[in-house]
């Protein structure tokens, strides 16, 4: 279907009532609704004109996370993905998106590759899987992440599961982060926070302060 800025958008609807919206530009999930309640956040000033990444939802970071030799967070969030496969399993829609190298990506990262991004929408969960295949004749290295924006209350949100992790606190000096260790069972956000958690567990629990646990 046609989304904001007339960009192609996929709408997934589970037989159980959950919904998700995905833009092919950037392969970006912009909405995930459970019981008609959107758990993702898109910034009010987000633009849908292909001149910059979509600011919100779950944008890709590939092949670089953060700053580095190429543009911030790489190029995957600035490129058009295509639909490789779509199916349904027990009423749950499954779609796989594909991204391949092109002149734009090679201008920053001179490797051929294939990225397959599988999205599964269930009644109360949204699962993703990203597989990167090096289709080049030479080795390459990369970073990847989903830069997810969860809808949350700034004052009431909390995260559980990070106790014991080493931390790099980038506030107040991002260039010289302070090393530390998380001692709290539940991390809250009383003010501005810019902190990296090293060796974090594969699963943490977010209480968004709006009545939802993710």
N, C-alpha and C. Protein backbone atom coordinates (compact mmCIF):
# COMPACT_ATOMS: atom_id res chain seq x y z
N UNK A 1 0.83 -1.19 0.00
CA UNK A 1 0.00 0.00 0.00
C UNK A 1 0.88 1.25 0.00
N UNK A 2 0.25 2.41 -0.15
CA UNK A 2 1.00 3.67 -0.20
C UNK A 2 1.02 4.32 1.18
N UNK A 3 2.21 4.65 1.65
CA UNK A 3 2.35 5.25 2.97
C UNK A 3 2.64 6.74 2.89
N UNK A 4 3.22 7.27 3.97
CA UNK A 4 3.58 8.69 4.01
C UNK A 4 4.54 9.00 2.87
N UNK A 5 4.41 10.20 2.29
CA UNK A 5 5.26 10.59 1.20
C UNK A 5 5.12 9.73 -0.04
N UNK A 6 4.02 8.98 -0.11
CA UNK A 6 3.73 8.06 -1.22
C UNK A 6 4.77 6.94 -1.34
N UNK A 7 5.43 6.63 -0.23
CA UNK A 7 6.41 5.55 -0.22
C UNK A 7 5.71 4.21 -0.05
N UNK A 8 6.20 3.14 -0.70
CA UNK A 8 5.60 1.82 -0.55
C UNK A 8 5.66 1.34 0.90
N UNK A 9 4.54 0.82 1.38
CA UNK A 9 4.44 0.37 2.77
C UNK A 9 3.72 -0.97 2.82
N UNK A 10 4.22 -1.87 3.65
CA UNK A 10 3.56 -3.15 3.88
C UNK A 10 2.74 -3.06 5.16
N UNK A 11 1.55 -3.63 5.15
CA UNK A 11 0.72 -3.70 6.35
C UNK A 11 0.48 -5.17 6.68
N UNK A 12 0.97 -5.60 7.83
CA UNK A 12 0.77 -6.98 8.28
C UNK A 12 -0.34 -6.99 9.33
N UNK A 13 -1.26 -7.94 9.18
CA UNK A 13 -2.35 -8.08 10.15
C UNK A 13 -2.44 -9.54 10.56
N UNK A 14 -2.30 -9.79 11.86
CA UNK A 14 -2.40 -11.15 12.37
C UNK A 14 -3.86 -11.52 12.56
N UNK A 15 -4.14 -12.81 12.45
CA UNK A 15 -5.50 -13.29 12.70
C UNK A 15 -5.90 -13.04 14.14
N UNK A 16 -4.91 -12.78 14.99
CA UNK A 16 -5.18 -12.54 16.41
C UNK A 16 -5.38 -11.07 16.72
N UNK A 17 -5.28 -10.20 15.70
CA UNK A 17 -5.60 -8.79 15.89
C UNK A 17 -4.42 -7.84 15.93
N UNK A 18 -3.21 -8.34 16.07
CA UNK A 18 -2.04 -7.45 16.09
C UNK A 18 -1.74 -6.95 14.67
N UNK A 19 -1.06 -5.81 14.59
CA UNK A 19 -0.77 -5.19 13.30
C UNK A 19 0.66 -4.65 13.27
N UNK A 20 1.22 -4.55 12.07
CA UNK A 20 2.54 -3.94 11.90
C UNK A 20 2.60 -3.26 10.54
N UNK A 21 3.38 -2.18 10.47
CA UNK A 21 3.59 -1.47 9.21
C UNK A 21 5.09 -1.39 8.95
N UNK A 22 5.47 -1.65 7.70
CA UNK A 22 6.88 -1.69 7.32
C UNK A 22 7.07 -0.92 6.03
N UNK A 23 7.98 0.03 6.03
CA UNK A 23 8.32 0.76 4.80
C UNK A 23 9.47 0.05 4.10
N UNK A 24 9.35 -0.11 2.77
CA UNK A 24 10.43 -0.72 2.01
C UNK A 24 11.65 0.19 2.00
N UNK A 25 11.44 1.50 2.07
CA UNK A 25 12.58 2.42 2.19
C UNK A 25 13.18 2.23 3.58
N UNK A 26 14.41 1.75 3.60
CA UNK A 26 15.08 1.50 4.87
C UNK A 26 14.71 0.18 5.51
N UNK A 27 13.74 -0.56 4.93
CA UNK A 27 13.28 -1.79 5.57
C UNK A 27 12.85 -1.53 6.99
N UNK A 28 12.14 -0.42 7.19
CA UNK A 28 11.88 0.11 8.54
C UNK A 28 10.47 -0.22 9.03
N UNK A 29 10.40 -0.94 10.14
CA UNK A 29 9.12 -1.16 10.82
C UNK A 29 8.76 0.14 11.54
N UNK A 30 7.62 0.72 11.21
CA UNK A 30 7.25 2.00 11.81
C UNK A 30 6.09 1.88 12.80
N UNK A 31 5.43 0.73 12.81
CA UNK A 31 4.30 0.57 13.72
C UNK A 31 4.15 -0.89 14.11
N UNK A 32 3.88 -1.13 15.39
CA UNK A 32 3.58 -2.47 15.89
C UNK A 32 2.49 -2.32 16.94
N UNK A 33 1.30 -2.75 16.58
CA UNK A 33 0.15 -2.58 17.46
C UNK A 33 -0.32 -3.91 18.04
N UNK A 34 -0.48 -3.92 19.35
CA UNK A 34 -1.09 -5.04 20.06
C UNK A 34 -2.33 -4.50 20.74
N UNK A 35 -3.47 -5.12 20.49
CA UNK A 35 -4.75 -4.64 21.02
C UNK A 35 -4.97 -3.17 20.66
N UNK A 36 -4.63 -2.84 19.41
CA UNK A 36 -4.82 -1.49 18.85
C UNK A 36 -3.91 -0.43 19.47
N UNK A 37 -2.95 -0.84 20.29
CA UNK A 37 -2.05 0.10 20.96
C UNK A 37 -0.66 0.00 20.33
N UNK A 38 -0.16 1.13 19.81
CA UNK A 38 1.14 1.12 19.15
C UNK A 38 2.26 1.15 20.17
N UNK A 39 3.16 0.18 20.08
CA UNK A 39 4.28 0.08 21.02
C UNK A 39 5.55 0.74 20.49
N UNK A 40 5.53 1.17 19.24
CA UNK A 40 6.68 1.86 18.66
C UNK A 40 6.39 3.35 18.54
N UNK A 41 7.45 4.13 18.36
CA UNK A 41 7.33 5.59 18.31
C UNK A 41 8.04 6.11 17.06
N UNK A 42 7.37 6.99 16.34
CA UNK A 42 7.97 7.70 15.22
C UNK A 42 7.97 9.18 15.56
N UNK A 43 9.11 9.80 15.41
CA UNK A 43 9.22 11.22 15.77
C UNK A 43 8.26 12.07 14.94
N UNK A 44 7.65 13.08 15.57
CA UNK A 44 6.71 13.95 14.85
C UNK A 44 7.36 14.65 13.66
N UNK A 45 8.67 14.88 13.72
CA UNK A 45 9.35 15.57 12.63
C UNK A 45 9.99 14.61 11.63
N UNK A 46 9.64 13.33 11.70
CA UNK A 46 10.18 12.35 10.75
C UNK A 46 9.75 12.71 9.33
N UNK A 47 10.67 12.53 8.39
CA UNK A 47 10.36 12.83 6.99
C UNK A 47 10.33 11.53 6.18
N UNK A 48 9.47 11.52 5.18
CA UNK A 48 9.31 10.35 4.33
C UNK A 48 9.54 10.78 2.88
N UNK A 49 10.76 11.22 2.59
CA UNK A 49 11.07 11.72 1.25
C UNK A 49 12.34 11.11 0.67
N UNK A 50 12.89 10.11 1.32
CA UNK A 50 14.10 9.41 0.88
C UNK A 50 15.36 10.28 0.95
N UNK A 51 15.23 11.48 1.49
CA UNK A 51 16.41 12.33 1.61
C UNK A 51 17.16 12.05 2.91
N UNK A 52 16.48 11.44 3.86
CA UNK A 52 17.11 11.05 5.12
C UNK A 52 16.36 9.84 5.67
N UNK A 53 16.96 9.11 6.61
CA UNK A 53 16.30 7.93 7.16
C UNK A 53 15.01 8.29 7.89
N UNK A 54 14.12 7.32 8.01
CA UNK A 54 12.90 7.50 8.79
C UNK A 54 13.28 7.54 10.27
N UNK A 55 12.90 8.61 10.94
CA UNK A 55 13.29 8.80 12.35
C UNK A 55 12.25 8.19 13.27
N UNK A 56 12.37 6.91 13.50
CA UNK A 56 11.45 6.24 14.40
C UNK A 56 11.24 4.80 14.01
N UNK A 57 10.43 4.10 14.80
CA UNK A 57 10.18 2.69 14.53
C UNK A 57 11.40 1.85 14.87
N UNK A 58 11.81 1.03 13.90
CA UNK A 58 12.98 0.16 14.10
C UNK A 58 13.90 0.23 12.89
N UNK A 59 14.66 1.34 12.75
CA UNK A 59 15.57 1.48 11.61
C UNK A 59 16.80 0.59 11.73
N UNK A 60 17.36 0.24 10.59
CA UNK A 60 18.56 -0.59 10.54
C UNK A 60 19.83 0.23 10.73
N UNK A 61 20.80 -0.38 11.40
CA UNK A 61 22.17 0.12 11.42
C UNK A 61 23.02 -0.96 10.76
N UNK A 62 23.55 -0.69 9.59
CA UNK A 62 24.37 -1.64 8.85
C UNK A 62 25.05 -0.90 7.70
N UNK A 63 26.32 -1.17 7.45
CA UNK A 63 27.23 -2.12 8.11
C UNK A 63 28.04 -1.47 9.24
N UNK A 64 27.55 -0.35 9.72
CA UNK A 64 28.26 0.38 10.78
C UNK A 64 27.25 0.88 11.80
N UNK A 65 27.60 0.75 13.07
CA UNK A 65 26.76 1.31 14.14
C UNK A 65 27.42 2.57 14.68
N UNK A 66 26.66 3.64 14.70
CA UNK A 66 27.19 4.90 15.22
C UNK A 66 28.12 5.57 14.22
N UNK A 67 29.01 6.44 14.73
CA UNK A 67 29.94 7.15 13.84
C UNK A 67 31.08 6.24 13.39
N UNK A 68 31.72 6.62 12.29
CA UNK A 68 32.83 5.83 11.77
C UNK A 68 33.27 6.36 10.43
N UNK A 69 33.92 5.51 9.63
CA UNK A 69 34.44 5.98 8.34
C UNK A 69 33.35 6.33 7.32
N UNK A 70 32.16 5.76 7.48
CA UNK A 70 31.07 6.11 6.57
C UNK A 70 30.02 6.91 7.34
N UNK A 71 28.89 7.19 6.70
CA UNK A 71 27.86 8.01 7.35
C UNK A 71 27.31 7.30 8.59
N UNK A 72 26.73 8.07 9.49
CA UNK A 72 26.20 7.56 10.76
C UNK A 72 25.28 6.36 10.52
N UNK A 73 25.58 5.25 11.20
CA UNK A 73 24.78 4.03 11.16
C UNK A 73 24.75 3.34 9.80
N UNK A 74 25.65 3.71 8.89
CA UNK A 74 25.73 3.01 7.61
C UNK A 74 24.67 3.43 6.62
N UNK A 75 24.35 2.52 5.68
CA UNK A 75 23.49 2.90 4.54
C UNK A 75 22.20 2.10 4.43
N UNK A 76 22.03 1.02 5.18
CA UNK A 76 20.85 0.16 4.99
C UNK A 76 19.54 0.90 5.24
N UNK A 77 19.57 1.87 6.13
CA UNK A 77 18.34 2.62 6.45
C UNK A 77 18.05 3.70 5.40
N UNK A 78 18.97 3.87 4.43
CA UNK A 78 18.80 4.87 3.37
C UNK A 78 18.52 4.23 2.01
N UNK A 79 18.31 2.93 1.98
CA UNK A 79 18.14 2.22 0.71
C UNK A 79 16.77 1.54 0.63
N UNK A 80 16.35 1.28 -0.59
CA UNK A 80 15.09 0.56 -0.82
C UNK A 80 15.33 -0.94 -0.71
N UNK A 81 14.56 -1.59 0.15
CA UNK A 81 14.57 -3.04 0.26
C UNK A 81 13.48 -3.59 -0.65
N UNK A 82 13.54 -4.88 -0.94
CA UNK A 82 12.52 -5.52 -1.77
C UNK A 82 11.91 -6.70 -1.00
N UNK A 83 10.75 -7.15 -1.45
CA UNK A 83 10.09 -8.29 -0.82
C UNK A 83 10.64 -9.57 -1.43
N UNK A 84 11.25 -10.40 -0.60
CA UNK A 84 11.80 -11.67 -1.09
C UNK A 84 10.80 -12.80 -0.94
N UNK A 85 9.99 -12.75 0.13
CA UNK A 85 9.05 -13.84 0.39
C UNK A 85 7.99 -13.36 1.37
N UNK A 86 6.78 -13.87 1.22
CA UNK A 86 5.72 -13.60 2.19
C UNK A 86 4.87 -14.84 2.35
N UNK A 87 4.44 -15.09 3.58
CA UNK A 87 3.64 -16.28 3.86
C UNK A 87 2.88 -16.06 5.17
N UNK A 88 2.08 -17.05 5.53
CA UNK A 88 1.33 -16.99 6.78
C UNK A 88 1.42 -18.35 7.46
N UNK A 89 1.56 -18.32 8.78
CA UNK A 89 1.69 -19.56 9.54
C UNK A 89 0.80 -19.46 10.77
N UNK A 90 -0.21 -20.29 10.82
CA UNK A 90 -1.18 -20.27 11.93
C UNK A 90 -1.79 -18.89 12.12
N UNK A 91 -2.04 -18.21 11.02
CA UNK A 91 -2.66 -16.89 11.09
C UNK A 91 -1.69 -15.77 11.38
N UNK A 92 -0.39 -16.11 11.45
CA UNK A 92 0.64 -15.10 11.72
C UNK A 92 1.38 -14.77 10.43
N UNK A 93 1.33 -13.51 9.98
CA UNK A 93 2.02 -13.14 8.74
C UNK A 93 3.53 -13.12 8.90
N UNK A 94 4.22 -13.59 7.87
CA UNK A 94 5.68 -13.61 7.85
C UNK A 94 6.13 -12.98 6.53
N UNK A 95 7.02 -12.02 6.60
CA UNK A 95 7.55 -11.41 5.38
C UNK A 95 9.07 -11.34 5.49
N UNK A 96 9.75 -11.59 4.38
CA UNK A 96 11.20 -11.49 4.32
C UNK A 96 11.58 -10.42 3.30
N UNK A 97 12.34 -9.43 3.76
CA UNK A 97 12.82 -8.37 2.89
C UNK A 97 14.27 -8.63 2.51
N UNK A 98 14.67 -8.10 1.36
CA UNK A 98 16.03 -8.33 0.87
C UNK A 98 16.69 -7.01 0.49
N UNK A 99 17.97 -6.91 0.81
CA UNK A 99 18.78 -5.77 0.39
C UNK A 99 20.08 -6.29 -0.20
N UNK A 100 20.47 -5.74 -1.36
CA UNK A 100 21.74 -6.11 -1.98
C UNK A 100 22.56 -4.85 -2.23
N UNK A 101 23.85 -5.07 -2.44
CA UNK A 101 24.74 -3.94 -2.71
C UNK A 101 24.40 -3.28 -4.04
N UNK A 102 24.76 -2.02 -4.16
CA UNK A 102 24.56 -1.26 -5.38
C UNK A 102 25.55 -0.11 -5.40
N UNK A 103 25.49 0.74 -6.41
CA UNK A 103 26.43 1.86 -6.50
C UNK A 103 26.46 2.73 -5.25
N UNK A 104 25.27 2.95 -4.64
CA UNK A 104 25.20 3.80 -3.44
C UNK A 104 25.95 3.16 -2.28
N UNK A 105 25.70 1.88 -2.03
CA UNK A 105 26.37 1.21 -0.91
C UNK A 105 27.87 1.06 -1.18
N UNK A 106 28.22 0.77 -2.44
CA UNK A 106 29.63 0.55 -2.77
C UNK A 106 30.44 1.84 -2.73
N UNK A 107 29.77 2.97 -2.82
CA UNK A 107 30.49 4.24 -2.70
C UNK A 107 31.02 4.44 -1.28
N UNK A 108 30.45 3.70 -0.32
CA UNK A 108 30.88 3.81 1.07
C UNK A 108 31.55 2.54 1.59
N UNK A 109 31.14 1.40 1.04
CA UNK A 109 31.58 0.10 1.54
C UNK A 109 31.67 -0.82 0.33
N UNK A 110 32.86 -1.03 -0.17
CA UNK A 110 33.05 -1.68 -1.47
C UNK A 110 33.04 -3.21 -1.35
N UNK A 111 31.87 -3.73 -0.99
CA UNK A 111 31.69 -5.18 -0.88
C UNK A 111 30.32 -5.54 -1.44
N UNK A 112 30.23 -6.73 -2.02
CA UNK A 112 28.92 -7.24 -2.42
C UNK A 112 28.37 -8.09 -1.27
N UNK A 113 27.05 -8.00 -1.07
CA UNK A 113 26.43 -8.69 0.06
C UNK A 113 24.95 -8.92 -0.24
N UNK A 114 24.35 -9.77 0.57
CA UNK A 114 22.90 -9.94 0.57
C UNK A 114 22.43 -9.89 2.02
N UNK A 115 21.41 -9.09 2.29
CA UNK A 115 20.80 -9.02 3.62
C UNK A 115 19.36 -9.52 3.50
N UNK A 116 19.00 -10.49 4.32
CA UNK A 116 17.63 -11.00 4.39
C UNK A 116 17.07 -10.70 5.77
N UNK A 117 15.95 -10.00 5.80
CA UNK A 117 15.35 -9.52 7.05
C UNK A 117 13.97 -10.15 7.19
N UNK A 118 13.85 -11.09 8.11
CA UNK A 118 12.60 -11.83 8.31
C UNK A 118 11.82 -11.23 9.47
N UNK A 119 10.55 -10.94 9.24
CA UNK A 119 9.69 -10.33 10.25
C UNK A 119 8.48 -11.23 10.47
N UNK A 120 8.23 -11.62 11.72
CA UNK A 120 7.10 -12.48 12.06
C UNK A 120 6.21 -11.74 13.06
N UNK A 121 4.96 -11.55 12.71
CA UNK A 121 4.00 -10.88 13.59
C UNK A 121 3.09 -11.92 14.23
N UNK A 122 3.11 -11.97 15.56
CA UNK A 122 2.23 -12.87 16.29
C UNK A 122 1.27 -12.05 17.15
N UNK A 123 0.45 -12.74 17.93
CA UNK A 123 -0.58 -12.05 18.71
C UNK A 123 0.00 -11.00 19.64
N UNK A 124 1.07 -11.37 20.34
CA UNK A 124 1.65 -10.44 21.31
C UNK A 124 3.15 -10.29 21.15
N UNK A 125 3.66 -10.60 19.98
CA UNK A 125 5.11 -10.45 19.78
C UNK A 125 5.41 -10.10 18.33
N UNK A 126 6.55 -9.47 18.15
CA UNK A 126 7.08 -9.15 16.82
C UNK A 126 8.52 -9.65 16.79
N UNK A 127 8.79 -10.65 15.97
CA UNK A 127 10.12 -11.25 15.91
C UNK A 127 10.83 -10.84 14.62
N UNK A 128 12.12 -10.59 14.73
CA UNK A 128 12.91 -10.25 13.55
C UNK A 128 14.18 -11.08 13.51
N UNK A 129 14.64 -11.36 12.30
CA UNK A 129 15.89 -12.09 12.09
C UNK A 129 16.60 -11.48 10.90
N UNK A 130 17.86 -11.12 11.07
CA UNK A 130 18.64 -10.53 9.99
C UNK A 130 19.82 -11.44 9.66
N UNK A 131 19.89 -11.87 8.41
CA UNK A 131 20.98 -12.72 7.95
C UNK A 131 21.78 -11.96 6.89
N UNK A 132 23.07 -11.77 7.14
CA UNK A 132 23.96 -11.10 6.20
C UNK A 132 24.85 -12.14 5.54
N UNK A 133 24.86 -12.18 4.22
CA UNK A 133 25.71 -13.11 3.48
C UNK A 133 26.73 -12.33 2.66
N UNK A 134 27.99 -12.68 2.83
CA UNK A 134 29.06 -12.07 2.03
C UNK A 134 29.08 -12.75 0.67
N UNK A 135 28.66 -12.03 -0.36
CA UNK A 135 28.65 -12.60 -1.72
C UNK A 135 29.87 -12.14 -2.52
N UNK A 136 30.82 -11.55 -1.83
CA UNK A 136 32.04 -11.05 -2.47
C UNK A 136 33.11 -12.13 -2.46
N UNK A 137 34.23 -11.85 -3.11
CA UNK A 137 35.36 -12.79 -3.13
C UNK A 137 36.38 -12.45 -2.06
N UNK A 138 36.13 -11.34 -1.34
CA UNK A 138 37.06 -10.93 -0.28
C UNK A 138 36.31 -10.82 1.04
N UNK A 139 37.02 -11.02 2.16
CA UNK A 139 36.35 -10.95 3.47
C UNK A 139 35.94 -9.53 3.81
N UNK A 140 34.91 -9.42 4.64
CA UNK A 140 34.45 -8.11 5.11
C UNK A 140 34.04 -8.22 6.57
N UNK A 141 34.02 -7.10 7.25
CA UNK A 141 33.55 -7.07 8.64
C UNK A 141 32.51 -5.96 8.75
N UNK A 142 31.59 -6.11 9.70
CA UNK A 142 30.51 -5.14 9.82
C UNK A 142 29.91 -5.17 11.22
N UNK A 143 29.14 -4.15 11.53
CA UNK A 143 28.29 -4.11 12.72
C UNK A 143 26.85 -4.01 12.25
N UNK A 144 25.93 -4.50 13.05
CA UNK A 144 24.52 -4.34 12.71
C UNK A 144 23.69 -4.25 13.98
N UNK A 145 22.60 -3.53 13.89
CA UNK A 145 21.69 -3.36 15.03
C UNK A 145 20.37 -2.83 14.53
N UNK A 146 19.34 -2.98 15.34
CA UNK A 146 18.07 -2.29 15.12
C UNK A 146 18.01 -1.14 16.12
N UNK A 147 17.87 0.06 15.62
CA UNK A 147 17.87 1.26 16.46
C UNK A 147 16.42 1.57 16.85
N UNK A 148 15.85 0.71 17.69
CA UNK A 148 14.41 0.73 17.94
C UNK A 148 13.96 1.88 18.85
N UNK A 149 12.89 2.52 18.42
CA UNK A 149 12.26 3.57 19.21
C UNK A 149 10.98 2.98 19.83
N UNK A 150 11.00 2.73 21.14
CA UNK A 150 9.79 2.26 21.82
C UNK A 150 9.01 3.44 22.38
N UNK A 151 7.71 3.38 22.23
CA UNK A 151 6.85 4.41 22.83
C UNK A 151 6.90 4.23 24.35
N UNK A 152 7.20 5.30 25.08
CA UNK A 152 7.37 5.18 26.52
C UNK A 152 7.13 6.51 27.21
N UNK A 153 6.88 6.43 28.51
CA UNK A 153 6.81 7.62 29.34
C UNK A 153 8.22 7.98 29.76
N UNK A 154 8.62 9.21 29.51
CA UNK A 154 9.99 9.64 29.84
C UNK A 154 10.27 9.47 31.33
N UNK A 155 9.28 9.77 32.16
CA UNK A 155 9.51 9.76 33.62
C UNK A 155 9.22 8.42 34.27
N UNK A 156 8.41 7.57 33.62
CA UNK A 156 7.98 6.34 34.28
C UNK A 156 8.61 5.07 33.70
N UNK A 157 9.31 5.17 32.58
CA UNK A 157 9.89 3.98 31.95
C UNK A 157 11.03 3.40 32.79
N UNK A 158 11.23 2.09 32.69
CA UNK A 158 12.34 1.44 33.40
C UNK A 158 12.76 0.18 32.65
N UNK A 159 14.00 -0.26 32.92
CA UNK A 159 14.55 -1.45 32.27
C UNK A 159 15.12 -2.37 33.34
N UNK A 160 14.80 -3.65 33.22
CA UNK A 160 15.29 -4.65 34.17
C UNK A 160 16.14 -5.68 33.43
N UNK A 161 17.25 -6.08 34.06
CA UNK A 161 18.09 -7.12 33.47
C UNK A 161 19.51 -6.68 33.17
N UNK A 162 19.86 -5.44 33.55
CA UNK A 162 21.19 -4.91 33.23
C UNK A 162 22.14 -4.89 34.43
N UNK A 163 21.66 -5.34 35.58
CA UNK A 163 22.51 -5.31 36.78
C UNK A 163 23.77 -6.14 36.57
N UNK A 164 24.91 -5.57 36.95
CA UNK A 164 26.18 -6.25 36.82
C UNK A 164 26.93 -5.95 35.53
N UNK A 165 26.27 -5.32 34.58
CA UNK A 165 26.92 -4.98 33.31
C UNK A 165 27.92 -3.84 33.50
N UNK A 166 29.04 -3.93 32.80
CA UNK A 166 29.96 -2.80 32.76
C UNK A 166 29.33 -1.69 31.92
N UNK A 167 29.58 -0.46 32.31
CA UNK A 167 28.95 0.67 31.62
C UNK A 167 29.99 1.67 31.14
N UNK A 168 29.62 2.37 30.07
CA UNK A 168 30.40 3.50 29.56
C UNK A 168 29.45 4.69 29.52
N UNK A 169 29.58 5.56 30.50
CA UNK A 169 28.69 6.72 30.62
C UNK A 169 29.23 7.86 29.76
N UNK A 170 28.50 8.19 28.71
CA UNK A 170 28.95 9.23 27.77
C UNK A 170 28.46 10.62 28.15
N UNK A 171 27.80 10.73 29.27
CA UNK A 171 27.35 12.02 29.77
C UNK A 171 28.18 12.33 31.02
N UNK A 172 28.95 13.41 31.09
CA UNK A 172 28.79 14.60 30.27
C UNK A 172 29.74 14.72 29.07
N UNK A 173 30.73 13.81 28.92
CA UNK A 173 31.69 13.94 27.83
C UNK A 173 31.62 12.72 26.92
N UNK A 174 30.95 12.81 25.77
CA UNK A 174 30.79 11.66 24.88
C UNK A 174 32.11 11.09 24.37
N UNK A 175 33.14 11.94 24.28
CA UNK A 175 34.42 11.48 23.73
C UNK A 175 35.28 10.77 24.77
N UNK A 176 34.95 10.96 26.03
CA UNK A 176 35.70 10.31 27.11
C UNK A 176 34.72 9.68 28.10
N UNK A 177 34.08 8.58 27.71
CA UNK A 177 33.08 7.96 28.58
C UNK A 177 33.69 7.43 29.88
N UNK A 178 32.91 7.52 30.94
CA UNK A 178 33.34 7.05 32.25
C UNK A 178 32.99 5.58 32.41
N UNK A 179 33.97 4.77 32.80
CA UNK A 179 33.72 3.34 33.02
C UNK A 179 33.05 3.14 34.37
N UNK A 180 32.15 2.19 34.42
CA UNK A 180 31.46 1.91 35.67
C UNK A 180 30.80 0.55 35.63
N UNK A 181 29.91 0.31 36.58
CA UNK A 181 29.18 -0.95 36.66
C UNK A 181 27.77 -0.66 37.13
N UNK A 182 26.80 -1.29 36.49
CA UNK A 182 25.40 -1.07 36.87
C UNK A 182 25.07 -1.87 38.13
N UNK A 183 24.66 -1.17 39.17
CA UNK A 183 24.35 -1.81 40.45
C UNK A 183 22.85 -1.92 40.69
N UNK A 184 22.06 -1.28 39.85
CA UNK A 184 20.61 -1.26 40.09
C UNK A 184 19.91 -2.48 39.47
N UNK A 185 18.92 -3.01 40.18
CA UNK A 185 18.09 -4.07 39.62
C UNK A 185 17.21 -3.52 38.51
N UNK A 186 16.70 -2.31 38.75
CA UNK A 186 15.81 -1.66 37.78
C UNK A 186 16.40 -0.31 37.42
N UNK A 187 16.69 -0.11 36.16
CA UNK A 187 17.28 1.14 35.68
C UNK A 187 16.15 2.11 35.32
N UNK A 188 16.19 3.30 35.91
CA UNK A 188 15.21 4.33 35.60
C UNK A 188 15.92 5.51 34.95
N UNK A 189 15.14 6.49 34.51
CA UNK A 189 15.69 7.59 33.73
C UNK A 189 15.21 8.93 34.29
N UNK A 190 15.82 9.35 35.40
CA UNK A 190 15.40 10.60 36.05
C UNK A 190 15.76 11.85 35.25
N UNK A 191 16.69 11.71 34.31
CA UNK A 191 17.11 12.84 33.49
C UNK A 191 17.74 12.31 32.21
N UNK A 192 18.53 13.16 31.55
CA UNK A 192 19.19 12.75 30.31
C UNK A 192 20.14 11.59 30.58
N UNK A 193 20.10 10.56 29.72
CA UNK A 193 20.95 9.38 29.87
C UNK A 193 21.59 9.06 28.52
N UNK A 194 22.91 8.88 28.52
CA UNK A 194 23.63 8.42 27.32
C UNK A 194 24.68 7.44 27.80
N UNK A 195 24.29 6.18 27.91
CA UNK A 195 25.14 5.18 28.55
C UNK A 195 25.15 3.89 27.73
N UNK A 196 26.35 3.32 27.57
CA UNK A 196 26.52 2.06 26.87
C UNK A 196 26.68 0.94 27.89
N UNK A 197 25.94 -0.16 27.69
CA UNK A 197 26.05 -1.33 28.57
C UNK A 197 26.79 -2.43 27.82
N UNK A 198 27.94 -2.84 28.36
CA UNK A 198 28.76 -3.86 27.72
C UNK A 198 28.33 -5.25 28.14
N UNK A 199 28.41 -6.21 27.20
CA UNK A 199 28.05 -7.60 27.47
C UNK A 199 26.65 -7.71 28.07
N UNK A 200 25.73 -6.94 27.53
CA UNK A 200 24.35 -6.97 28.01
C UNK A 200 23.71 -8.32 27.66
N UNK A 201 22.77 -8.78 28.47
CA UNK A 201 22.10 -10.06 28.17
C UNK A 201 21.28 -9.96 26.89
N UNK A 202 20.95 -11.11 26.32
CA UNK A 202 20.18 -11.12 25.08
C UNK A 202 18.74 -10.70 25.30
N UNK A 203 18.30 -10.72 26.54
CA UNK A 203 16.92 -10.32 26.83
C UNK A 203 16.88 -9.39 28.04
N UNK A 204 16.25 -8.25 27.87
CA UNK A 204 15.99 -7.33 28.98
C UNK A 204 14.50 -7.00 28.95
N UNK A 205 13.98 -6.50 30.05
CA UNK A 205 12.55 -6.21 30.16
C UNK A 205 12.34 -4.71 30.27
N UNK A 206 11.58 -4.17 29.33
CA UNK A 206 11.25 -2.75 29.34
C UNK A 206 9.83 -2.56 29.84
N UNK A 207 9.67 -1.78 30.89
CA UNK A 207 8.36 -1.31 31.33
C UNK A 207 8.24 0.10 30.76
N UNK A 208 7.35 0.29 29.79
CA UNK A 208 7.31 1.58 29.11
C UNK A 208 6.60 2.67 29.91
N UNK A 209 6.12 2.33 31.10
CA UNK A 209 5.47 3.32 31.94
C UNK A 209 4.09 3.70 31.46
N UNK A 210 3.62 2.98 30.44
CA UNK A 210 2.30 3.25 29.87
C UNK A 210 1.39 2.03 30.01
N UNK A 211 1.82 1.09 30.87
CA UNK A 211 1.02 -0.10 31.10
C UNK A 211 1.43 -1.31 30.30
N UNK A 212 2.58 -1.23 29.63
CA UNK A 212 3.04 -2.34 28.80
C UNK A 212 4.42 -2.81 29.23
N UNK A 213 4.64 -4.13 29.15
CA UNK A 213 5.95 -4.72 29.42
C UNK A 213 6.43 -5.41 28.15
N UNK A 214 7.64 -5.04 27.73
CA UNK A 214 8.17 -5.55 26.47
C UNK A 214 9.47 -6.30 26.73
